Amino acid sequence: LEMTDGASNHITVSGSALVESIRSRLLPEQERDLIALIRSANDSASDVAVYRARAHGFLPKAPIKKANVLETLAPLWLARYPPRSEFADDMSQSRFTRSDSLSSLESSASLNEAIAATPVEVIQMVDLIDAIFRAGDVVSNWDAVWEKMHALKGDLLTLQVGSKVIAAVGMINSFRELHTNEELIDRWNILRDRIKSLASST
């Protein structure tokens, strides 16, 4: 995760490490009611092993079709809250039955809207950022601009990843090397048109 401290310095922190820290601060009964999943574009075997050690599971940062949401989440949910058998130990920490688990999972089907950004949502974010750039003084509003551009980068990575998406993400990262309104606006105009073309063809 990329963050800005009080002095407007950009710092990078590990999202999975934050999840691990939050889990460690919860009471046992609170932690039992939590399922924490790491969603990341970094999916090497070593990365995934770290995510699973720090959270309860891992989801790749790739588009998930609406019809596949429950199929994708069900194994993670049932691994966290396994169905109780009639022979289960009375001291089992799980407070959910199989039907409870699936019922709760089905009720969260609306998560599909948050899992993958649509091209329309990408264009809406581009228009929101463009309004800030059109105001002119980008440098003074850089924290707000970068926060939205970072969100845009995440949305782009949920689209079908190809050379155009990778190029757009690389271009977003390059903005941190620019320091004047003129440089930032010129670069944005190019990026804006590329992303809109990319989203329109998705």
Protein backbone atom coordinates (compact mmCIF):
# COMPACT_ATOMS: atom_id res chain seq x y z
CA LEU A 1 0.00 0.00 0.00
CA GLU A 2 1.26 3.47 -0.86
CA MET A 3 0.59 6.10 1.81
CA THR A 4 1.47 9.70 2.58
CA ASP A 5 2.74 10.69 6.00
CA GLY A 6 2.22 14.04 7.70
CA ALA A 7 5.15 15.57 5.83
CA SER A 8 3.68 14.55 2.44
CA ASN A 9 6.36 11.91 2.01
CA HIS A 10 5.25 8.83 0.08
CA ILE A 11 5.86 5.59 1.91
CA THR A 12 5.06 1.98 1.07
CA VAL A 13 3.75 -0.42 3.68
CA SER A 14 2.80 -4.08 3.46
CA GLY A 15 -0.95 -4.57 3.37
CA SER A 16 -0.65 -8.18 4.49
CA ALA A 17 1.55 -7.13 7.42
CA LEU A 18 -1.14 -4.62 8.45
CA VAL A 19 -3.75 -7.40 8.32
CA GLU A 20 -1.53 -9.58 10.51
CA SER A 21 -1.10 -6.71 12.98
CA ILE A 22 -4.84 -6.04 13.14
CA ARG A 23 -5.60 -9.73 13.72
CA SER A 24 -3.07 -9.87 16.56
CA ARG A 25 -4.81 -6.98 18.34
CA LEU A 26 -8.25 -8.57 18.32
CA LEU A 27 -9.66 -10.65 21.13
CA PRO A 28 -9.90 -14.37 20.26
CA GLU A 29 -13.71 -14.22 19.99
CA GLN A 30 -13.44 -11.19 17.69
CA GLU A 31 -10.82 -12.81 15.49
CA ARG A 32 -13.01 -15.91 15.15
CA ASP A 33 -15.71 -13.76 13.54
CA LEU A 34 -13.27 -12.39 10.97
CA ILE A 35 -12.25 -13.70 7.57
CA ALA A 36 -9.39 -11.63 6.16
CA LEU A 37 -8.38 -12.19 2.54
CA ILE A 38 -5.44 -10.62 0.73
CA ARG A 39 -6.13 -9.57 -2.87
CA SER A 40 -2.99 -8.80 -4.82
CA ALA A 41 -1.52 -8.81 -8.30
CA ASN A 42 1.68 -10.27 -6.80
CA ASP A 43 0.91 -13.98 -6.92
CA SER A 44 4.25 -15.80 -6.88
CA ALA A 45 4.42 -18.91 -4.69
CA SER A 46 6.46 -17.08 -2.06
CA ASP A 47 4.08 -14.09 -2.02
CA VAL A 48 1.01 -16.31 -1.67
CA ALA A 49 2.67 -18.24 1.18
CA VAL A 50 3.21 -14.96 3.03
CA TYR A 51 -0.40 -13.85 2.44
CA ARG A 52 -1.77 -17.15 3.75
CA ALA A 53 0.43 -16.92 6.83
CA ARG A 54 -0.76 -13.41 7.61
CA ALA A 55 -4.42 -13.70 6.60
CA HIS A 56 -7.00 -16.42 6.07
CA GLY A 57 -6.59 -16.72 2.34
CA PHE A 58 -5.61 -15.15 -0.96
CA LEU A 59 -7.49 -13.83 -4.00
CA PRO A 60 -5.71 -12.90 -7.23
CA LYS A 61 -6.20 -9.33 -8.40
CA ALA A 62 -7.90 -10.32 -11.62
CA PRO A 63 -11.48 -9.95 -12.89
CA ILE A 64 -13.94 -12.44 -11.43
CA LYS A 65 -17.16 -12.96 -13.35
CA LYS A 66 -20.41 -12.54 -11.45
CA ALA A 67 -21.31 -16.19 -12.00
CA ASN A 68 -18.02 -17.30 -10.41
CA VAL A 69 -18.04 -15.15 -7.26
CA LEU A 70 -19.56 -17.77 -4.94
CA GLU A 71 -17.48 -20.52 -6.52
CA THR A 72 -14.32 -18.49 -5.84
CA LEU A 73 -15.16 -17.47 -2.28
CA ALA A 74 -16.83 -20.70 -1.09
CA PRO A 75 -13.62 -22.74 -0.54
CA LEU A 76 -12.06 -19.87 1.42
CA TRP A 77 -15.21 -19.38 3.49
CA LEU A 78 -15.63 -23.09 4.26
CA ALA A 79 -11.95 -23.46 5.09
CA ARG A 80 -12.38 -20.69 7.64
CA TYR A 81 -15.79 -21.89 8.90
CA PRO A 82 -15.93 -25.63 8.19
CA PRO A 83 -19.32 -27.38 8.48
CA ARG A 84 -19.82 -29.08 11.83
CA SER A 85 -20.40 -32.83 11.85
CA GLU A 86 -22.57 -34.58 14.44
CA PHE A 87 -19.34 -35.91 15.94
CA ALA A 88 -17.65 -32.52 16.17
CA ASP A 89 -16.01 -31.63 19.47
CA ASP A 90 -18.41 -29.60 21.60
CA MET A 91 -15.54 -27.21 22.23
CA SER A 92 -15.18 -26.43 18.52
CA GLN A 93 -14.51 -22.74 17.94
CA SER A 94 -16.72 -22.67 14.84
CA ARG A 95 -20.17 -21.24 15.55
CA PHE A 96 -21.48 -21.82 12.02
CA THR A 97 -23.12 -24.82 10.35
CA ARG A 98 -22.71 -25.58 6.66
CA SER A 99 -26.11 -24.08 5.88
CA ASP A 100 -25.29 -20.99 7.93
CA SER A 101 -22.00 -20.57 6.08
CA LEU A 102 -23.50 -20.90 2.62
CA SER A 103 -26.46 -18.71 3.51
CA SER A 104 -24.14 -15.96 4.74
CA LEU A 105 -21.95 -16.36 1.68
CA GLU A 106 -24.91 -16.12 -0.67
CA SER A 107 -26.06 -12.96 1.10
CA SER A 108 -22.67 -11.42 0.31
CA ALA A 109 -22.96 -12.02 -3.42
CA SER A 110 -23.00 -8.25 -3.85
CA LEU A 111 -19.23 -8.43 -3.30
CA ASN A 112 -18.94 -9.09 -7.00
CA GLU A 113 -19.36 -5.35 -7.58
CA ALA A 114 -16.18 -4.67 -5.59
CA ILE A 115 -14.08 -7.49 -6.98
CA ALA A 116 -13.57 -6.26 -10.52
CA ALA A 117 -13.87 -2.70 -11.80
CA THR A 118 -15.96 -2.21 -14.93
CA PRO A 119 -14.77 -0.11 -17.87
CA VAL A 120 -17.48 2.43 -16.99
CA GLU A 121 -16.10 2.75 -13.44
CA VAL A 122 -12.58 3.22 -14.82
CA ILE A 123 -13.77 6.03 -17.10
CA GLN A 124 -15.67 7.64 -14.22
CA MET A 125 -12.48 7.67 -12.13
CA VAL A 126 -10.54 9.14 -15.08
CA ASP A 127 -13.14 11.92 -15.39
CA LEU A 128 -12.91 12.63 -11.65
CA ILE A 129 -9.12 12.96 -11.85
CA ASP A 130 -9.37 14.99 -15.04
CA ALA A 131 -11.52 17.58 -13.26
CA ILE A 132 -8.70 18.15 -10.77
CA PHE A 133 -6.14 18.52 -13.54
CA ARG A 134 -8.37 20.97 -15.40
CA ALA A 135 -8.42 23.17 -12.30
CA GLY A 136 -4.74 23.81 -13.05
CA ASP A 137 -2.87 23.74 -9.75
CA VAL A 138 -2.09 20.02 -9.58
CA VAL A 139 1.03 20.39 -7.43
CA SER A 140 -0.89 22.00 -4.55
CA ASN A 141 -3.49 19.23 -4.69
CA TRP A 142 -1.03 16.42 -5.31
CA ASP A 143 -2.00 14.30 -2.28
CA ALA A 144 -5.63 14.14 -3.43
CA VAL A 145 -4.56 13.54 -7.03
CA TRP A 146 -2.19 10.72 -6.14
CA GLU A 147 -4.75 9.03 -3.89
CA LYS A 148 -7.20 8.87 -6.80
CA MET A 149 -4.52 7.85 -9.31
CA HIS A 150 -3.46 5.04 -7.01
CA ALA A 151 -7.09 3.88 -6.90
CA LEU A 152 -7.21 4.12 -10.68
CA LYS A 153 -4.12 1.93 -10.90
CA GLY A 154 -5.84 -0.70 -8.78
CA ASP A 155 -8.94 -0.56 -10.97
CA LEU A 156 -6.86 -0.99 -14.11
CA LEU A 157 -5.19 -4.08 -12.67
CA THR A 158 -8.60 -5.74 -12.27
CA LEU A 159 -9.21 -5.49 -16.01
CA GLN A 160 -7.90 -8.11 -18.40
CA VAL A 161 -4.19 -7.49 -17.98
CA GLY A 162 -2.37 -6.88 -21.25
CA SER A 163 0.41 -4.73 -22.60
CA LYS A 164 -1.80 -1.62 -22.70
CA VAL A 165 -2.81 -2.00 -19.04
CA ILE A 166 0.79 -2.60 -17.98
CA ALA A 167 1.89 0.47 -19.94
CA ALA A 168 -0.82 2.61 -18.31
CA VAL A 169 0.14 1.43 -14.83
CA GLY A 170 3.79 2.19 -15.55
CA MET A 171 2.82 5.65 -16.74
CA ILE A 172 0.88 6.29 -13.51
CA ASN A 173 3.96 5.33 -11.50
CA SER A 174 6.05 7.78 -13.54
CA PHE A 175 4.03 10.75 -12.25
CA ARG A 176 6.00 10.68 -9.01
CA GLU A 177 9.07 11.80 -10.99
CA LEU A 178 7.35 14.99 -12.20
CA HIS A 179 7.41 18.23 -10.23
CA THR A 180 5.68 21.01 -12.18
CA ASN A 181 2.07 21.61 -13.16
CA GLU A 182 3.05 21.72 -16.83
CA GLU A 183 4.78 18.33 -16.72
CA LEU A 184 1.98 16.73 -14.75
CA ILE A 185 -0.79 18.08 -16.98
CA ASP A 186 0.99 17.13 -20.21
CA ARG A 187 1.58 13.58 -18.94
CA TRP A 188 -1.99 13.29 -17.70
CA ASN A 189 -3.48 14.34 -21.05
CA ILE A 190 -1.63 11.49 -22.72
CA LEU A 191 -2.53 8.98 -20.01
CA ARG A 192 -6.19 10.05 -19.93
CA ASP A 193 -6.66 9.43 -23.64
CA ARG A 194 -4.87 6.07 -23.48
CA ILE A 195 -6.96 4.80 -20.58
CA LYS A 196 -10.23 5.92 -22.12
CA SER A 197 -9.30 4.17 -25.35
CA LEU A 198 -8.30 1.06 -23.39
CA ALA A 199 -11.53 1.02 -21.34
CA SER A 200 -13.67 1.57 -24.41
CA SER A 201 -12.15 -1.46 -26.12
CA THR A 202 -12.48 -3.76 -23.08
